[in-house]
Amino acid sequence: MTSKELDFEELLKQYDYKFQKGDLVKGIVCGYDSQGVMVDIGAKTIAVVPTREAADKDENVEDKLKKGEEYEFLIIREEDEDGKFLLSRKKVDQAYAWKELEKAKATDETILGTIAGIVKGGVLVEISGVRGFVPSSQLRTKESDLEVGAKIELKILTLDPQQNNFILSNKKVYEDSAIEARKNVFSQIEPGQIVKGDVVRITDFGAFIDLGGIDGLLPLSQLSWRWIDHPTDILNVGDKIDVEVIAVDHDKQRVSLSLKNLEPDPWLEAEKQIKEGDKVEGTITRIKHFGAFVEVFPGVEALLPHAEVTELQNQKQCILQVGDKIDTYILKFNPTDKRIALTVSEPKAESKETTEE
């Protein structure tokens, strides 16, 4: 074989290629024309990346695939009569995106998606060129509150690249965060602590306070030393308040709170200023079938039994109502149990001495 024949054989080897549909190849961008992007993959002719396979509608092809740069491409059609191959860059991007999504699912990672459309039963989202679906049941907010183009935090529920099945959840992001937050709060909270919280819900029996991941219950009885008909008398949803932790149940994950414990105990001051036999003026706060409760000192209620209420009404020739001011006498005072009994008649000296004994 002559030297010329050897040179020609070496030259042929440079162009000996075996590219097939489905192969992943590297190529250098040579230029652009009406068909798309021209790429040199080392074959006899320049391969073509159709515009639809080069970039999304809102992307600039020349920015996505820059001239002179090398990229990976997928052969989507073997050479035609003109010897040209058809390539795709988008399918390569999607393949890498699916791999990243598989990693995110394996690690239960929170990912950021873009809302691509709002449809019946949920929303379509796009992540790295891959479209997924978030069912309505997995949304933390209503579809009507979402907008196309908005970013949304998500976690992957199911992922099947072969079936192009990609289901995500927005609600799970917050549920998992809440669980973690609850663990952190319960590991640090204990009775006696003063904590800050937000009033998030009000009921007839109390208010729920968000302590930063868990909701503690502030019972009606712990709102104030004064009688409160309803929590809305002193609280509103959205209020930021300081409360004392009075009980923590780790098994049931419940926290009980008190607002009145942050105020001085009025019974301690009342004990200094009130004694049995004293005449006091008070305001009726509640009327029950067994008697009337009368505030005889700020934050301190005493009971006027039903028989005494009837006697007072006969004396005044009227029906007593909540808010009325009345004069009564301290019959019995038990500061330890926080109980005071009233009477409308001045106790006799003997009765006072007997009681003291």
Protein backbone atom coordinates (compact mmCIF):
# COMPACT_ATOMS: atom_id res chain seq x y z
CA MET A 1 0.00 0.00 0.00
CA THR A 2 1.36 3.36 -1.02
CA SER A 3 1.81 6.28 1.34
CA LYS A 4 -1.05 8.08 -0.38
CA GLU A 5 -3.36 5.11 0.21
CA LEU A 6 -2.31 5.04 3.87
CA ASP A 7 -3.03 8.75 4.26
CA PHE A 8 -6.47 8.29 2.65
CA GLU A 9 -7.28 5.36 4.97
CA GLU A 10 -6.34 7.42 8.02
CA LEU A 11 -8.55 10.20 6.72
CA LEU A 12 -11.49 7.80 6.38
CA LYS A 13 -11.02 6.66 9.97
CA GLN A 14 -11.51 10.24 11.14
CA TYR A 15 -14.96 10.14 9.56
CA ASP A 16 -15.82 6.64 10.64
CA TYR A 17 -18.81 7.07 12.92
CA LYS A 18 -21.66 4.90 14.13
CA PHE A 19 -24.32 7.26 15.44
CA GLN A 20 -27.79 5.84 16.13
CA LYS A 21 -31.11 7.20 17.28
CA GLY A 22 -31.10 7.47 21.07
CA ASP A 23 -27.35 8.03 21.36
CA LEU A 24 -26.06 10.81 23.57
CA VAL A 25 -23.38 12.78 21.73
CA LYS A 26 -21.29 15.88 22.23
CA GLY A 27 -21.26 18.63 19.66
CA ILE A 28 -20.08 22.19 19.07
CA VAL A 29 -22.57 24.87 18.00
CA CYS A 30 -21.57 26.17 14.55
CA GLY A 31 -24.37 28.58 13.77
CA TYR A 32 -28.07 29.18 13.31
CA ASP A 33 -30.50 29.14 10.38
CA SER A 34 -34.25 28.96 9.76
CA GLN A 35 -34.31 25.27 10.74
CA GLY A 36 -32.65 25.75 14.09
CA VAL A 37 -29.15 25.30 15.43
CA MET A 38 -26.28 23.81 13.43
CA VAL A 39 -24.05 21.46 15.44
CA ASP A 40 -20.81 19.66 14.58
CA ILE A 41 -20.92 16.19 16.15
CA GLY A 42 -17.98 14.82 14.14
CA ALA A 43 -20.08 13.30 11.36
CA LYS A 44 -19.73 13.96 7.63
CA THR A 45 -22.40 16.65 7.77
CA ILE A 46 -23.60 19.21 10.26
CA ALA A 47 -26.39 17.98 12.54
CA VAL A 48 -29.47 20.09 13.17
CA VAL A 49 -31.23 20.92 16.44
CA PRO A 50 -34.76 22.10 15.53
CA THR A 51 -35.77 25.27 17.36
CA ARG A 52 -38.48 23.39 19.28
CA GLU A 53 -35.81 20.95 20.54
CA ALA A 54 -33.33 23.68 21.37
CA ALA A 55 -35.21 25.93 23.78
CA ASP A 56 -38.61 26.71 25.26
CA LYS A 57 -40.89 29.27 23.62
CA ASP A 58 -39.90 32.00 26.05
CA GLU A 59 -36.16 31.31 25.67
CA ASN A 60 -33.74 32.76 23.11
CA VAL A 61 -32.09 29.95 21.13
CA GLU A 62 -28.80 31.82 20.72
CA ASP A 63 -28.64 32.45 24.45
CA LYS A 64 -29.49 28.85 25.29
CA LEU A 65 -26.99 27.30 22.86
CA LYS A 66 -24.09 29.68 22.31
CA LYS A 67 -21.96 29.54 19.18
CA GLY A 68 -18.61 27.86 19.71
CA GLU A 69 -19.70 26.12 22.94
CA GLU A 70 -19.87 22.35 23.36
CA TYR A 71 -23.05 20.68 24.64
CA GLU A 72 -24.56 17.24 24.98
CA PHE A 73 -27.36 16.28 22.57
CA LEU A 74 -29.67 13.34 22.01
CA ILE A 75 -30.02 11.94 18.49
CA ILE A 76 -33.76 11.85 17.80
CA ARG A 77 -33.48 10.91 14.11
CA GLU A 78 -30.69 9.19 12.24
CA GLU A 79 -29.22 10.80 9.13
CA ASP A 80 -31.66 11.47 6.32
CA GLU A 81 -31.09 11.47 2.55
CA ASP A 82 -29.03 14.61 2.92
CA GLY A 83 -26.94 12.97 5.64
CA LYS A 84 -28.26 15.20 8.42
CA PHE A 85 -29.01 14.07 11.95
CA LEU A 86 -31.74 15.61 14.06
CA LEU A 87 -30.74 16.37 17.64
CA SER A 88 -32.47 17.53 20.83
CA ARG A 89 -31.03 19.56 23.67
CA LYS A 90 -34.31 19.83 25.59
CA LYS A 91 -34.54 16.06 26.03
CA VAL A 92 -31.03 16.04 27.52
CA ASP A 93 -32.02 18.82 29.91
CA GLN A 94 -35.15 16.88 30.85
CA ALA A 95 -33.18 13.69 31.45
CA TYR A 96 -30.86 15.51 33.84
CA ALA A 97 -33.89 17.21 35.42
CA TRP A 98 -35.56 13.84 36.08
CA LYS A 99 -32.36 12.66 37.79
CA GLU A 100 -32.31 15.72 40.01
CA LEU A 101 -35.97 15.21 40.82
CA GLU A 102 -35.31 11.59 41.77
CA LYS A 103 -32.63 12.80 44.18
CA ALA A 104 -35.03 15.40 45.62
CA LYS A 105 -37.67 12.72 46.20
CA ALA A 106 -35.17 10.35 47.82
CA THR A 107 -34.09 13.04 50.29
CA ASP A 108 -37.62 14.49 50.73
CA GLU A 109 -36.25 17.85 49.66
CA THR A 110 -38.40 20.96 49.26
CA ILE A 111 -38.16 22.28 45.70
CA LEU A 112 -39.37 25.47 44.03
CA GLY A 113 -41.73 25.22 41.07
CA THR A 114 -43.41 27.71 38.75
CA ILE A 115 -47.18 27.60 38.27
CA ALA A 116 -47.70 26.88 34.56
CA GLY A 117 -51.47 26.59 34.58
CA ILE A 118 -54.56 26.30 36.78
CA VAL A 119 -56.81 23.42 35.75
CA LYS A 120 -59.79 21.56 37.14
CA GLY A 121 -58.69 19.64 40.20
CA GLY A 122 -55.38 21.37 40.78
CA VAL A 123 -52.49 23.25 39.20
CA LEU A 124 -49.76 22.46 36.68
CA VAL A 125 -46.23 23.33 37.74
CA GLU A 126 -42.90 23.36 35.92
CA ILE A 127 -39.56 22.46 37.45
CA SER A 128 -36.40 22.50 35.31
CA GLY A 129 -38.45 21.98 32.18
CA VAL A 130 -40.47 19.07 33.61
CA ARG A 131 -44.18 19.53 34.15
CA GLY A 132 -45.94 18.11 37.16
CA PHE A 133 -49.38 18.24 38.75
CA VAL A 134 -50.44 19.40 42.21
CA PRO A 135 -53.95 18.12 43.14
CA SER A 136 -56.31 20.52 44.91
CA SER A 137 -56.15 18.31 48.01
CA GLN A 138 -52.40 18.94 48.17
CA LEU A 139 -52.62 22.73 47.98
CA ARG A 140 -52.40 24.80 51.15
CA THR A 141 -54.36 27.63 49.50
CA LYS A 142 -57.26 27.71 47.05
CA GLU A 143 -56.51 27.62 43.32
CA SER A 144 -58.24 31.00 43.01
CA ASP A 145 -55.54 32.53 45.24
CA LEU A 146 -52.74 31.36 42.92
CA GLU A 147 -51.43 32.98 39.75
CA VAL A 148 -49.72 31.59 36.67
CA GLY A 149 -46.01 32.38 36.85
CA ALA A 150 -45.93 32.49 40.65
CA LYS A 151 -43.36 30.41 42.54
CA ILE A 152 -44.55 27.70 44.91
CA GLU A 153 -42.75 25.42 47.37
CA LEU A 154 -43.34 21.72 46.75
CA LYS A 155 -42.47 18.19 47.78
CA ILE A 156 -42.62 15.20 45.44
CA LEU A 157 -45.27 12.57 46.12
CA THR A 158 -44.83 10.28 43.08
CA LEU A 159 -42.28 10.28 40.29
CA ASP A 160 -42.26 7.98 37.22
CA PRO A 161 -40.17 9.24 34.26
CA GLN A 162 -41.23 6.28 32.09
CA GLN A 163 -44.90 7.14 32.43
CA ASN A 164 -44.19 10.87 32.63
CA ASN A 165 -46.05 10.84 35.95
CA PHE A 166 -45.07 13.63 38.33
CA ILE A 167 -47.31 14.43 41.31
CA LEU A 168 -46.37 17.01 43.94
CA SER A 169 -47.68 18.52 47.16
CA ASN A 170 -47.60 22.05 48.49
CA LYS A 171 -49.40 21.13 51.71
CA LYS A 172 -46.79 18.55 52.72
CA VAL A 173 -44.11 21.27 52.83
CA TYR A 174 -45.98 23.04 55.62
CA GLU A 175 -47.09 19.86 57.37
CA ASP A 176 -43.52 18.59 57.60
CA SER A 177 -42.31 22.03 58.69
CA ALA A 178 -45.02 22.13 61.37
CA ILE A 179 -44.03 18.68 62.67
CA GLU A 180 -40.39 19.73 62.90
CA ALA A 181 -41.35 23.01 64.54
CA ARG A 182 -43.53 21.18 67.10
CA LYS A 183 -40.62 18.91 67.98
CA ASN A 184 -38.34 21.89 68.50
CA VAL A 185 -40.87 23.77 70.63
CA PHE A 186 -41.75 20.75 72.79
CA SER A 187 -38.07 20.04 73.40
CA GLN A 188 -37.63 23.52 74.89
CA ILE A 189 -40.93 24.47 76.54
CA GLU A 190 -41.66 23.82 80.21
CA PRO A 191 -44.08 25.03 82.91
CA GLY A 192 -43.29 28.42 84.39
CA GLN A 193 -41.85 29.90 81.20
CA ILE A 194 -43.13 33.20 79.85
CA VAL A 195 -43.52 32.92 76.07
CA LYS A 196 -44.77 35.13 73.26
CA GLY A 197 -47.56 34.01 70.94
CA ASP A 198 -50.17 35.05 68.42
CA VAL A 199 -53.91 34.64 68.99
CA VAL A 200 -54.95 32.41 66.07
CA ARG A 201 -58.40 31.17 67.12
CA ILE A 202 -61.04 32.11 69.69
CA THR A 203 -63.76 29.82 71.02
CA ASP A 204 -66.36 30.01 73.80
CA PHE A 205 -64.03 28.12 76.16
CA GLY A 206 -60.81 30.00 75.48
CA ALA A 207 -58.26 31.05 72.87
CA PHE A 208 -55.59 29.17 70.92
CA ILE A 209 -52.17 30.79 70.89
CA ASP A 210 -49.55 30.00 68.24
CA LEU A 211 -46.25 29.63 70.07
CA GLY A 212 -44.18 29.23 66.89
CA GLY A 213 -45.15 25.79 65.62
CA ILE A 214 -47.66 24.61 68.21
CA ASP A 215 -50.98 25.98 69.42
CA GLY A 216 -51.39 26.30 73.17
CA LEU A 217 -54.78 26.62 74.87
CA LEU A 218 -55.51 29.69 76.96
CA PRO A 219 -58.67 28.66 78.89
CA LEU A 220 -61.38 31.18 79.71
CA SER A 221 -60.58 30.77 83.42
CA GLN A 222 -56.96 31.78 82.81
CA LEU A 223 -57.67 34.97 80.90
CA SER A 224 -58.10 37.33 83.83
CA TRP A 225 -58.66 37.52 87.57
CA ARG A 226 -61.83 39.42 86.72
CA TRP A 227 -64.90 37.63 85.41
CA ILE A 228 -64.83 37.36 81.60
CA ASP A 229 -67.99 36.41 79.68
CA HIS A 230 -66.15 35.58 76.46
CA PRO A 231 -62.49 35.68 75.32
CA THR A 232 -63.38 38.40 72.79
CA ASP A 233 -63.97 40.71 75.76
CA ILE A 234 -60.19 41.17 75.95
CA LEU A 235 -58.66 39.35 72.95
CA ASN A 236 -58.81 39.51 69.16
CA VAL A 237 -57.44 37.15 66.53
CA GLY A 238 -54.02 38.46 65.49
CA ASP A 239 -53.13 39.91 68.91
CA LYS A 240 -49.55 39.28 70.05
CA ILE A 241 -49.45 38.49 73.75
CA ASP A 242 -47.17 37.16 76.51
CA VAL A 243 -48.47 34.10 78.37
CA GLU A 244 -47.20 31.76 81.06
CA VAL A 245 -46.89 28.02 80.40
CA ILE A 246 -48.75 26.26 83.21
CA ALA A 247 -48.80 22.66 81.90
CA VAL A 248 -47.15 20.59 79.14
CA ASP A 249 -48.43 17.17 78.05
CA HIS A 250 -45.71 15.67 75.84
CA ASP A 251 -47.71 12.50 75.08
CA LYS A 252 -50.75 14.37 73.80
CA GLN A 253 -48.64 17.33 72.65
CA ARG A 254 -50.78 19.87 74.48
CA VAL A 255 -49.78 23.07 76.19
CA SER A 256 -51.91 24.98 78.70
CA LEU A 257 -51.37 28.68 79.15
CA SER A 258 -52.30 31.49 81.51
CA LEU A 259 -52.61 35.22 80.97
CA LYS A 260 -53.82 36.12 84.44
CA ASN A 261 -50.70 34.63 86.07
CA LEU A 262 -48.74 37.56 84.63
CA GLU A 263 -50.77 39.89 86.84
CA PRO A 264 -50.50 40.19 90.64
CA ASP A 265 -52.86 37.87 92.52
CA PRO A 266 -55.64 40.25 93.73
CA TRP A 267 -56.56 37.82 96.53
CA LEU A 268 -53.24 38.53 98.22
CA GLU A 269 -54.00 42.25 98.37
CA ALA A 270 -57.65 41.60 99.29
CA GLU A 271 -56.49 39.51 102.26
CA LYS A 272 -54.66 42.59 103.57
CA GLN A 273 -57.63 44.93 103.21
CA ILE A 274 -60.74 42.79 103.81
CA LYS A 275 -61.83 40.95 106.93
CA GLU A 276 -64.97 39.17 108.03
CA GLY A 277 -67.71 41.50 109.20
CA ASP A 278 -66.63 44.38 106.92
CA LYS A 279 -69.28 46.23 104.97
CA VAL A 280 -68.32 46.38 101.28
CA GLU A 281 -69.75 47.84 98.12
CA GLY A 282 -69.58 45.55 95.10
CA THR A 283 -70.80 45.11 91.56
CA ILE A 284 -72.90 42.13 90.47
CA THR A 285 -71.00 40.24 87.75
CA ARG A 286 -73.15 37.11 87.39
CA ILE A 287 -76.51 35.86 88.58
CA LYS A 288 -77.10 32.12 88.95
CA HIS A 289 -79.96 30.05 90.39
CA PHE A 290 -77.97 29.56 93.61
CA GLY A 291 -77.03 33.23 94.06
CA ALA A 292 -75.19 36.23 92.68
CA PHE A 293 -71.47 36.78 92.21
CA VAL A 294 -70.32 40.19 93.37
CA GLU A 295 -66.92 41.80 92.69
CA VAL A 296 -66.01 43.22 96.10
CA PHE A 297 -62.39 44.00 95.24
CA PRO A 298 -60.76 44.41 91.80
CA GLY A 299 -60.48 40.86 90.47
CA VAL A 300 -62.07 39.27 93.57
CA GLU A 301 -65.59 37.81 93.43
CA ALA A 302 -67.75 36.83 96.38
CA LEU A 303 -71.02 34.87 96.48
CA LEU A 304 -74.28 36.27 97.77
CA PRO A 305 -76.52 33.20 98.26
CA HIS A 306 -79.97 33.06 96.64
CA ALA A 307 -81.82 33.58 99.93
CA GLU A 308 -79.79 36.74 100.55
CA VAL A 309 -80.44 37.94 96.97
CA THR A 310 -84.18 37.49 97.55
CA GLU A 311 -84.00 39.37 100.86
CA LEU A 312 -82.11 42.26 99.26
CA GLN A 313 -84.60 42.45 96.39
CA ASN A 314 -87.45 42.60 98.90
CA GLN A 315 -85.69 45.39 100.76
CA LYS A 316 -85.05 47.39 97.56
CA GLN A 317 -88.35 46.43 95.89
CA CYS A 318 -86.51 45.64 92.67
CA ILE A 319 -84.99 42.81 90.64
CA LEU A 320 -81.22 42.78 90.82
CA GLN A 321 -79.30 42.72 87.53
CA VAL A 322 -75.73 42.32 86.37
CA GLY A 323 -73.94 45.62 86.78
CA ASP A 324 -75.90 46.76 89.82
CA LYS A 325 -73.89 48.07 92.75
CA ILE A 326 -74.94 46.73 96.14
CA ASP A 327 -73.82 46.98 99.77
CA THR A 328 -73.19 43.72 101.59
CA TYR A 329 -71.17 42.33 104.50
CA ILE A 330 -68.33 39.79 104.47
CA LEU A 331 -69.73 36.73 106.24
CA LYS A 332 -66.86 34.30 105.59
CA PHE A 333 -63.48 34.86 103.97
CA ASN A 334 -61.22 31.95 102.96
CA PRO A 335 -58.25 33.43 101.02
CA THR A 336 -56.55 30.03 100.67
CA ASP A 337 -59.45 28.58 98.67
CA LYS A 338 -60.26 32.00 97.24
CA ARG A 339 -63.82 32.01 98.52
CA ILE A 340 -65.92 34.76 100.11
CA ALA A 341 -69.50 34.44 101.35
CA LEU A 342 -71.66 37.56 101.64
CA THR A 343 -74.71 38.53 103.59
CA VAL A 344 -77.03 41.53 103.39
CA SER A 345 -77.38 41.75 107.18
CA GLU A 346 -74.59 42.93 109.43
CA PRO A 347 -73.15 39.87 111.22
CA LYS A 348 -73.44 39.90 115.01
CA ALA A 349 -70.28 40.21 117.02
CA GLU A 350 -70.80 36.68 118.44
CA SER A 351 -70.96 35.28 114.91
CA LYS A 352 -67.70 36.96 114.01
CA GLU A 353 -65.97 35.60 117.12
CA THR A 354 -67.36 32.11 116.43
CA THR A 355 -66.16 32.25 112.84
CA GLU A 356 -62.69 33.39 113.93
CA GLU A 357 -62.48 30.48 116.34
